[in-house]
Protein backbone atom coordinates (compact mmCIF):
# COMPACT_ATOMS: atom_id res chain seq x y z
CA MET A 1 135.33 -12.71 104.91
CA ILE A 2 132.21 -13.85 103.04
CA THR A 3 132.49 -14.46 99.26
CA ALA A 4 130.73 -12.11 96.71
CA ALA A 5 128.30 -14.62 96.11
CA GLN A 6 127.07 -14.68 99.92
CA ARG A 7 127.14 -10.90 99.54
CA ILE A 8 124.79 -11.07 96.79
CA GLU A 9 122.38 -13.75 98.35
CA ALA A 10 122.14 -11.25 101.27
CA LEU A 11 121.24 -8.30 99.15
CA LEU A 12 118.81 -10.36 97.45
CA ALA A 13 116.77 -10.43 100.82
CA SER A 14 116.25 -6.69 100.78
CA ARG A 15 115.30 -6.92 97.05
CA ASP A 16 111.90 -5.18 97.58
CA ALA A 17 113.28 -1.99 99.43
CA LEU A 18 116.42 -1.92 97.07
CA ALA A 19 114.46 -1.80 94.20
CA LEU A 20 112.94 1.64 94.10
CA TRP A 21 116.63 3.35 94.25
CA ILE A 22 118.98 1.12 92.64
CA GLY A 23 116.39 -0.58 89.77
CA ASP A 24 115.60 -4.30 89.56
CA PHE A 25 117.95 -6.87 89.95
CA ASP A 26 118.55 -10.38 90.67
CA ALA A 27 121.79 -12.67 91.34
CA HIS A 28 122.60 -12.95 87.66
CA ARG A 29 122.43 -9.56 86.91
CA PHE A 30 124.71 -8.84 89.78
CA ASN A 31 126.96 -11.18 88.52
CA GLN A 32 127.04 -9.52 84.78
CA LEU A 33 127.86 -6.42 86.67
CA LEU A 34 130.95 -7.80 88.46
CA GLU A 35 131.76 -9.59 84.76
CA THR A 36 130.93 -6.30 82.96
CA GLN A 37 133.34 -4.05 85.43
CA LEU A 38 135.95 -6.40 86.94
CA GLY A 39 136.22 -9.10 83.97
CA SER A 40 135.17 -11.85 85.97
CA HIS A 41 132.30 -12.66 88.38
CA GLU A 42 135.08 -14.85 90.53
CA ALA A 43 137.94 -11.71 90.63
CA LEU A 44 136.92 -10.99 94.18
CA ASP A 45 137.42 -14.12 95.47
CA LEU A 46 139.93 -16.30 92.91
CA TRP A 47 142.95 -15.47 91.27
CA VAL A 48 141.59 -14.75 87.41
CA ARG A 49 143.32 -14.97 84.10
CA ARG A 50 143.57 -11.70 82.93
CA GLY A 51 145.85 -11.91 79.63
CA ASP A 52 149.32 -13.27 80.36
CA THR A 53 149.05 -12.91 84.17
CA ARG A 54 146.80 -13.84 86.80
CA ALA A 55 145.26 -11.02 88.81
CA ARG A 56 142.54 -10.84 91.91
CA ALA A 57 140.84 -7.65 92.64
CA PHE A 58 140.72 -6.69 96.29
CA PRO A 59 138.41 -3.78 97.74
CA LEU A 60 139.45 -0.16 98.87
CA SER A 61 138.13 -0.90 102.28
CA PRO A 62 137.08 1.11 104.75
CA LEU A 63 135.43 3.09 101.82
CA LEU A 64 133.71 6.57 103.20
CA HIS A 65 130.67 7.76 101.54
CA ILE A 66 129.76 11.25 101.76
CA VAL A 67 126.31 11.54 100.61
CA SER A 68 123.86 14.77 99.95
CA GLY A 69 120.49 14.70 101.25
CA ASN A 70 118.91 15.83 98.03
CA THR A 71 117.65 12.04 97.02
CA PRO A 72 118.71 8.80 98.81
CA HIS A 73 119.64 7.30 95.24
CA ALA A 74 123.19 8.10 95.40
CA ALA A 75 123.70 6.57 99.30
CA PHE A 76 121.47 3.52 98.24
CA GLN A 77 123.76 3.05 95.32
CA SER A 78 127.12 3.56 96.46
CA VAL A 79 126.63 1.66 99.48
CA VAL A 80 125.43 -1.54 97.64
CA ARG A 81 128.55 -1.35 95.31
CA GLY A 82 130.77 -0.89 98.15
CA LEU A 83 128.93 -4.26 99.48
CA LEU A 84 129.23 -6.12 96.41
CA VAL A 85 132.97 -5.48 96.08
CA GLY A 86 133.28 -6.70 100.04
CA SER A 87 134.35 -3.22 101.51
CA HIS A 88 133.74 -2.07 104.83
CA ASN A 89 131.59 0.76 104.35
CA ARG A 90 131.71 4.49 106.50
CA VAL A 91 128.80 6.44 105.66
CA LYS A 92 128.38 10.07 106.43
CA LEU A 93 124.78 10.95 106.20
CA PRO A 94 123.97 14.64 106.18
CA THR A 95 122.31 16.62 108.76
CA GLY A 96 118.67 14.87 109.43
CA GLY A 97 119.88 11.50 108.30
CA ILE A 98 118.18 9.84 105.15
CA PRO A 99 115.14 7.88 106.66
CA GLU A 100 114.76 5.61 104.26
CA PHE A 101 118.50 4.34 103.79
CA GLU A 102 118.39 4.13 107.49
CA THR A 103 115.48 1.84 107.63
CA TRP A 104 117.18 -0.37 104.71
CA VAL A 105 120.52 -0.54 106.65
CA THR A 106 119.07 -1.73 110.04
CA ALA A 107 116.99 -4.64 108.21
CA LEU A 108 119.77 -6.12 106.46
CA PRO A 109 121.08 -9.70 107.37
CA GLY A 110 123.85 -9.65 109.92
CA GLU A 111 126.74 -10.46 107.14
CA LEU A 112 125.80 -6.86 105.39
CA SER A 113 124.88 -4.66 108.22
CA GLN A 114 128.56 -5.26 109.82
CA LEU A 115 129.95 -4.22 106.90
CA ILE A 116 128.40 -0.64 107.54
CA GLU A 117 128.84 2.01 109.53
CA ILE A 118 126.46 5.25 109.47
CA ARG A 119 127.17 8.81 111.34
CA GLU A 120 125.89 12.34 110.80
CA ASP A 121 129.66 13.71 111.86
CA LEU A 122 133.08 12.66 110.37
CA PRO A 123 135.11 11.52 112.83
CA ASP A 124 138.79 11.78 112.72
CA GLU A 125 139.41 8.17 112.63
CA TRP A 126 137.09 8.16 109.32
CA ARG A 127 138.49 10.92 107.98
CA LEU A 128 142.33 9.64 108.62
CA THR A 129 142.32 5.67 107.94
CA SER A 130 139.57 5.29 105.30
CA ALA A 131 141.42 3.80 102.00
CA ALA A 132 139.07 5.81 99.49
CA ALA A 133 136.18 8.49 99.85
CA VAL A 134 133.00 8.62 97.49
CA ILE A 135 131.84 12.18 97.97
CA PHE A 136 128.41 13.67 96.44
CA GLY A 137 127.51 17.12 96.20
CA GLY A 138 127.75 20.73 94.93
CA SER A 139 131.01 22.46 94.38
CA ALA A 140 130.97 24.08 98.08
CA THR A 141 130.26 20.35 99.50
CA ILE A 142 133.30 18.89 97.34
CA GLU A 143 135.90 21.41 98.22
CA THR A 144 135.28 21.18 101.71
CA PHE A 145 135.82 17.45 102.06
CA ARG A 146 138.84 18.08 99.49
CA GLN A 147 140.29 19.89 101.87
CA GLN A 148 139.26 18.12 105.30
CA LEU A 149 140.62 14.55 103.82
CA PRO A 150 144.28 13.71 103.71
CA ALA A 151 146.05 14.73 100.60
CA GLY A 152 146.61 11.35 98.54
CA LEU A 153 143.32 9.79 99.93
CA PRO A 154 141.95 8.45 96.30
CA ARG A 155 138.66 10.54 96.16
CA ILE A 156 135.78 9.42 93.53
CA GLU A 157 133.62 12.69 93.11
CA TYR A 158 130.21 12.99 91.93
CA GLY A 159 129.71 16.96 91.80
CA PRO A 160 127.04 19.11 90.27
CA LYS A 161 125.56 18.04 87.85
CA LEU A 162 122.07 18.81 85.66
CA SER A 163 119.87 16.82 83.13
CA ILE A 164 117.96 18.22 79.94
CA ALA A 165 115.40 16.63 77.45
CA MET A 166 115.70 16.86 73.38
CA VAL A 167 112.08 16.67 71.80
CA PHE A 168 112.19 15.82 68.23
CA SER A 169 107.99 15.33 68.15
CA PRO A 170 106.68 17.83 70.45
CA ASP A 171 103.30 15.97 71.27
CA ARG A 172 101.38 15.46 74.26
CA GLN A 173 103.24 12.02 74.74
CA ALA A 174 106.34 14.12 75.02
CA ALA A 175 105.07 16.42 77.44
CA ASP A 176 103.39 13.50 79.37
CA LEU A 177 106.74 11.72 79.73
CA ALA A 178 109.00 15.23 80.42
CA ALA A 179 106.53 15.77 83.50
CA ILE A 180 107.63 12.73 85.15
CA ASP A 181 111.64 13.09 84.21
CA ILE A 182 110.95 16.71 85.66
CA LEU A 183 108.83 16.40 88.71
CA ALA A 184 110.05 13.11 89.84
CA PHE A 185 112.21 13.93 93.11
CA GLU A 186 111.56 17.50 92.63
CA GLN A 187 114.47 17.80 90.51
CA LEU A 188 116.73 17.52 93.38
CA GLY A 189 118.89 15.36 91.87
CA CYS A 190 121.57 15.31 89.00
CA LEU A 191 119.53 13.08 86.71
CA SER A 192 116.16 15.69 87.10
CA VAL A 193 115.43 17.44 83.72
CA GLN A 194 115.82 21.25 84.32
CA ALA A 195 115.33 22.08 80.53
CA VAL A 196 113.99 20.81 77.47
CA TYR A 197 114.65 21.76 73.91
CA VAL A 198 112.40 21.14 71.25
CA ALA A 199 112.88 20.51 67.41
CA GLY A 200 110.90 22.58 64.75
CA GLY A 201 111.75 26.33 65.77
CA PRO A 202 110.19 29.14 68.03
CA LEU A 203 106.37 28.40 67.30
CA PRO A 204 106.42 24.44 68.01
CA THR A 205 108.48 25.36 70.95
CA ARG A 206 106.22 27.68 72.48
CA GLU A 207 103.15 25.27 71.67
CA PHE A 208 105.03 22.46 73.45
CA ALA A 209 105.13 24.97 76.49
CA LEU A 210 101.43 25.14 76.66
CA THR A 211 101.06 21.00 76.30
CA LEU A 212 104.04 20.58 78.74
CA ALA A 213 102.38 23.13 81.46
CA GLU A 214 98.82 20.67 81.04
CA ALA A 215 100.89 17.57 81.47
CA LEU A 216 102.70 19.15 84.88
CA ALA A 217 99.35 20.34 86.26
CA ARG A 218 97.77 16.85 85.56
CA HIS A 219 100.44 15.32 87.36
CA ARG A 220 100.42 17.67 90.22
CA GLU A 221 96.75 16.81 90.50
CA ARG A 222 97.73 12.98 90.68
CA GLN A 223 100.56 13.61 93.26
CA PRO A 224 100.81 17.18 95.05
CA ARG A 225 104.01 18.31 95.50
CA PRO A 226 105.50 17.94 99.07
CA ALA A 227 105.84 21.06 101.14
CA ILE A 228 108.84 23.31 100.57
CA SER A 229 110.68 26.04 102.42
CA LEU A 230 109.79 29.49 102.54
CA SER A 231 113.21 30.06 101.04
CA ASP A 232 112.61 27.45 98.12
CA ALA A 233 109.30 29.07 97.51
CA GLY A 234 110.92 32.63 97.30
CA ALA A 235 113.38 31.57 95.10
CA ILE A 236 110.88 30.16 92.30
CA SER A 237 108.73 33.47 92.84
CA ASN A 238 111.97 35.75 92.00
CA ALA A 239 112.66 33.35 89.27
CA ARG A 240 109.21 33.86 87.94
CA GLU A 241 109.27 37.77 88.44
CA LEU A 242 112.62 37.68 86.28
CA VAL A 243 110.92 36.32 83.39
CA ARG A 244 107.86 38.66 83.81
CA PHE A 245 110.46 41.45 83.97
CA ARG A 246 112.44 40.27 80.88
CA ALA A 247 109.28 39.80 78.75
CA ALA A 248 108.51 43.22 79.64
CA ASN A 249 111.51 44.69 78.24
CA GLY A 250 111.33 42.75 74.77
CA GLU A 251 112.62 39.59 75.32
CA ASP A 252 111.60 36.57 73.54
CA THR A 253 109.86 34.71 76.97
CA ALA A 254 106.96 34.09 78.52
CA LEU A 255 105.87 32.38 81.70
CA ILE A 256 103.12 29.90 82.40
CA GLU A 257 102.70 29.09 85.91
CA SER A 258 100.47 27.32 88.20
CA PRO A 259 97.77 29.34 89.68
CA GLY A 260 97.94 30.45 93.10
CA ASP A 261 100.91 28.60 94.18
CA THR A 262 104.55 27.61 92.89
CA SER A 263 103.95 23.96 92.52
CA TRP A 264 104.97 24.08 88.68
CA THR A 265 106.74 26.88 86.02
CA VAL A 266 107.04 26.66 82.49
CA VAL A 267 109.23 29.14 81.06
CA TYR A 268 109.49 29.55 77.08
CA ALA A 269 112.98 31.21 75.84
CA SER A 270 113.90 31.82 72.59
CA ASP A 271 117.63 31.98 74.25
CA PRO A 272 118.85 28.60 74.24
CA THR A 273 121.56 28.89 76.96
CA LEU A 274 121.39 26.39 79.62
CA ALA A 275 120.86 27.74 82.93
CA PRO A 276 119.79 25.71 86.42
CA GLY A 277 116.69 26.79 87.63
CA PRO A 278 115.40 26.84 91.11
CA LEU A 279 114.17 23.31 90.90
CA ASN A 280 110.75 21.76 92.73
CA GLY A 281 108.96 21.87 89.03
CA TYR A 282 110.58 24.92 87.21
CA VAL A 283 111.69 24.09 83.75
CA THR A 284 112.82 25.81 80.89
CA VAL A 285 111.54 25.22 77.20
CA HIS A 286 114.08 26.58 74.60
CA PRO A 287 113.69 25.66 70.72
CA LEU A 288 116.66 23.16 69.94
CA PRO A 289 119.73 24.36 68.33
CA ALA A 290 120.84 22.84 65.23
CA SER A 291 123.47 20.07 66.17
CA GLY A 292 126.46 21.51 64.81
CA GLN A 293 125.90 24.55 67.06
CA LEU A 294 126.13 21.98 70.13
CA PRO A 295 127.67 22.51 72.68
CA ALA A 296 128.51 26.29 72.11
CA ALA A 297 124.57 27.09 71.87
CA LEU A 298 123.97 25.81 75.58
CA GLY A 299 126.74 27.69 77.25
CA PRO A 300 129.03 26.92 79.95
CA GLU A 301 126.50 24.46 81.53
CA ALA A 302 126.85 22.17 78.74
CA ALA A 303 130.10 20.80 80.34
CA HIS A 304 128.02 19.47 83.64
CA LEU A 305 125.24 17.68 81.62
CA SER A 306 124.43 14.26 83.29
CA THR A 307 121.73 12.51 81.19
CA VAL A 308 120.05 14.05 78.16
CA ALA A 309 116.48 12.22 77.53
CA LEU A 310 114.98 11.81 74.07
CA HIS A 311 111.58 11.80 72.32
CA PRO A 312 111.85 9.40 70.33
CA PHE A 313 114.78 7.45 71.40
CA THR A 314 116.64 6.47 68.07
CA ASP A 315 120.34 6.16 67.47
CA ALA A 316 120.09 8.37 64.61
CA PHE A 317 118.96 11.37 67.06
CA ALA A 318 121.95 10.15 69.79
CA ASP A 319 124.41 10.54 67.22
CA ARG A 320 123.24 14.03 66.52
CA LEU A 321 124.32 15.07 70.06
CA GLU A 322 127.92 13.66 70.22
CA LEU A 323 129.45 16.96 70.26
CA LEU A 324 127.75 17.46 73.86
CA ALA A 325 129.79 14.48 75.50
CA ALA A 326 126.94 13.57 78.02
CA PRO A 327 127.83 10.99 79.75
CA ARG A 328 124.41 9.13 79.36
CA VAL A 329 121.60 9.41 76.84
CA CYS A 330 118.07 7.81 77.35
CA SER A 331 114.31 7.50 76.83
CA LEU A 332 112.22 10.58 77.75
CA GLY A 333 110.78 9.74 80.98
CA ARG A 334 113.35 7.56 81.93
CA SER A 335 116.16 9.92 82.75
CA GLN A 336 115.62 9.37 86.75
CA GLN A 337 115.92 5.81 86.25
CA PRO A 338 119.29 4.58 85.51
CA PRO A 339 119.78 0.74 84.87
CA LEU A 340 122.20 -1.01 86.99
CA PHE A 341 125.03 -1.14 84.54
CA TRP A 342 125.31 2.66 84.07
CA HIS A 343 128.78 4.43 83.93
CA HIS A 344 127.84 7.03 86.54
CA ASP A 345 129.41 10.63 84.98
CA GLY A 346 130.93 8.38 82.41
CA ARG A 347 133.08 6.35 84.94
CA PRO A 348 132.84 2.36 86.05
CA PRO A 349 131.92 2.92 89.28
CA LEU A 350 132.50 -0.62 90.24
CA ALA A 351 135.75 -0.92 88.93
CA ASP A 352 136.56 2.33 91.14
CA LEU A 353 136.18 0.44 94.30
CA VAL A 354 138.76 -2.25 93.79
CA THR A 355 142.77 -2.33 93.58
CA TRP A 356 144.11 -4.88 91.66
CA ARG A 357 146.94 -7.70 92.33
CA ASP A 358 148.98 -9.81 90.01
CA ARG A 359 150.49 -13.07 89.96
CA GLY A 360 152.65 -14.57 87.32
């Protein structure tokens, strides 16, 4: 088996293709990642001192990755982690595949490509003989594979999540940054901002909703939205009609929409309850509740937060969100660019992929 250093060197050969999906990296940063999560960058190859014993990390292998088709990020990040620890990686792709990921795999050096298998189905051999499974998807997907995989098989599950922004300085800069976090990858990933909470009360929030709508329109002019299905377009239209109905019946809500199409939608709602939207450029803007009222004011979906993006980002503002217990807080404009060292859904994703043996 090749060493961790050799696997890192081979990954560096595809750095240009990988950087878009996992962020910038070099050998030093990968070694730092191993140090951070495993205690030593040598722990996968040597017996290293850990307290009063020596230990070595062994990869869970074969490792089954069940990835969704909403964004390619999960496939790239999960398999890179598997390669770093030295697992043999079995990747079950969604129907239709993930072209960017498959192109990357075919271009890998032989020492890495031999560690990856790709299929769109799930054969019994994979299902019954994998050492662990990493599963990405919605609640129904997660439950389906819980039923299909053997009882007792270690599972690392990344279920449905959503992200929000909190704006303490509601200016044009904040709107431009929010537009990036809303429109990147058409809100299809768990790091996509679906709601923005604005400090200062209803009036500044309404004004920011208009500013945000202008920012979304500018962004769409520079980069038009790819074609979406009739079903997705219909979901946006239905959500818009529901807002109109609520406004007509006295609710404190308002709709700002792209003229003639569904390319972007901004909804002002005084009710702070967080609710997933139909995606593809649809965002709700709420007045920010007092910090002591979080997460009750946001409601049940607060338990499914992935990232909270702040503007401006300060530790003082981040500290006000402690009651939310969101796994990640970052600067607005960077919600969809997690760092290499992030704890995915609050977990140490590399450390989850190994088991330890002790000596002494």
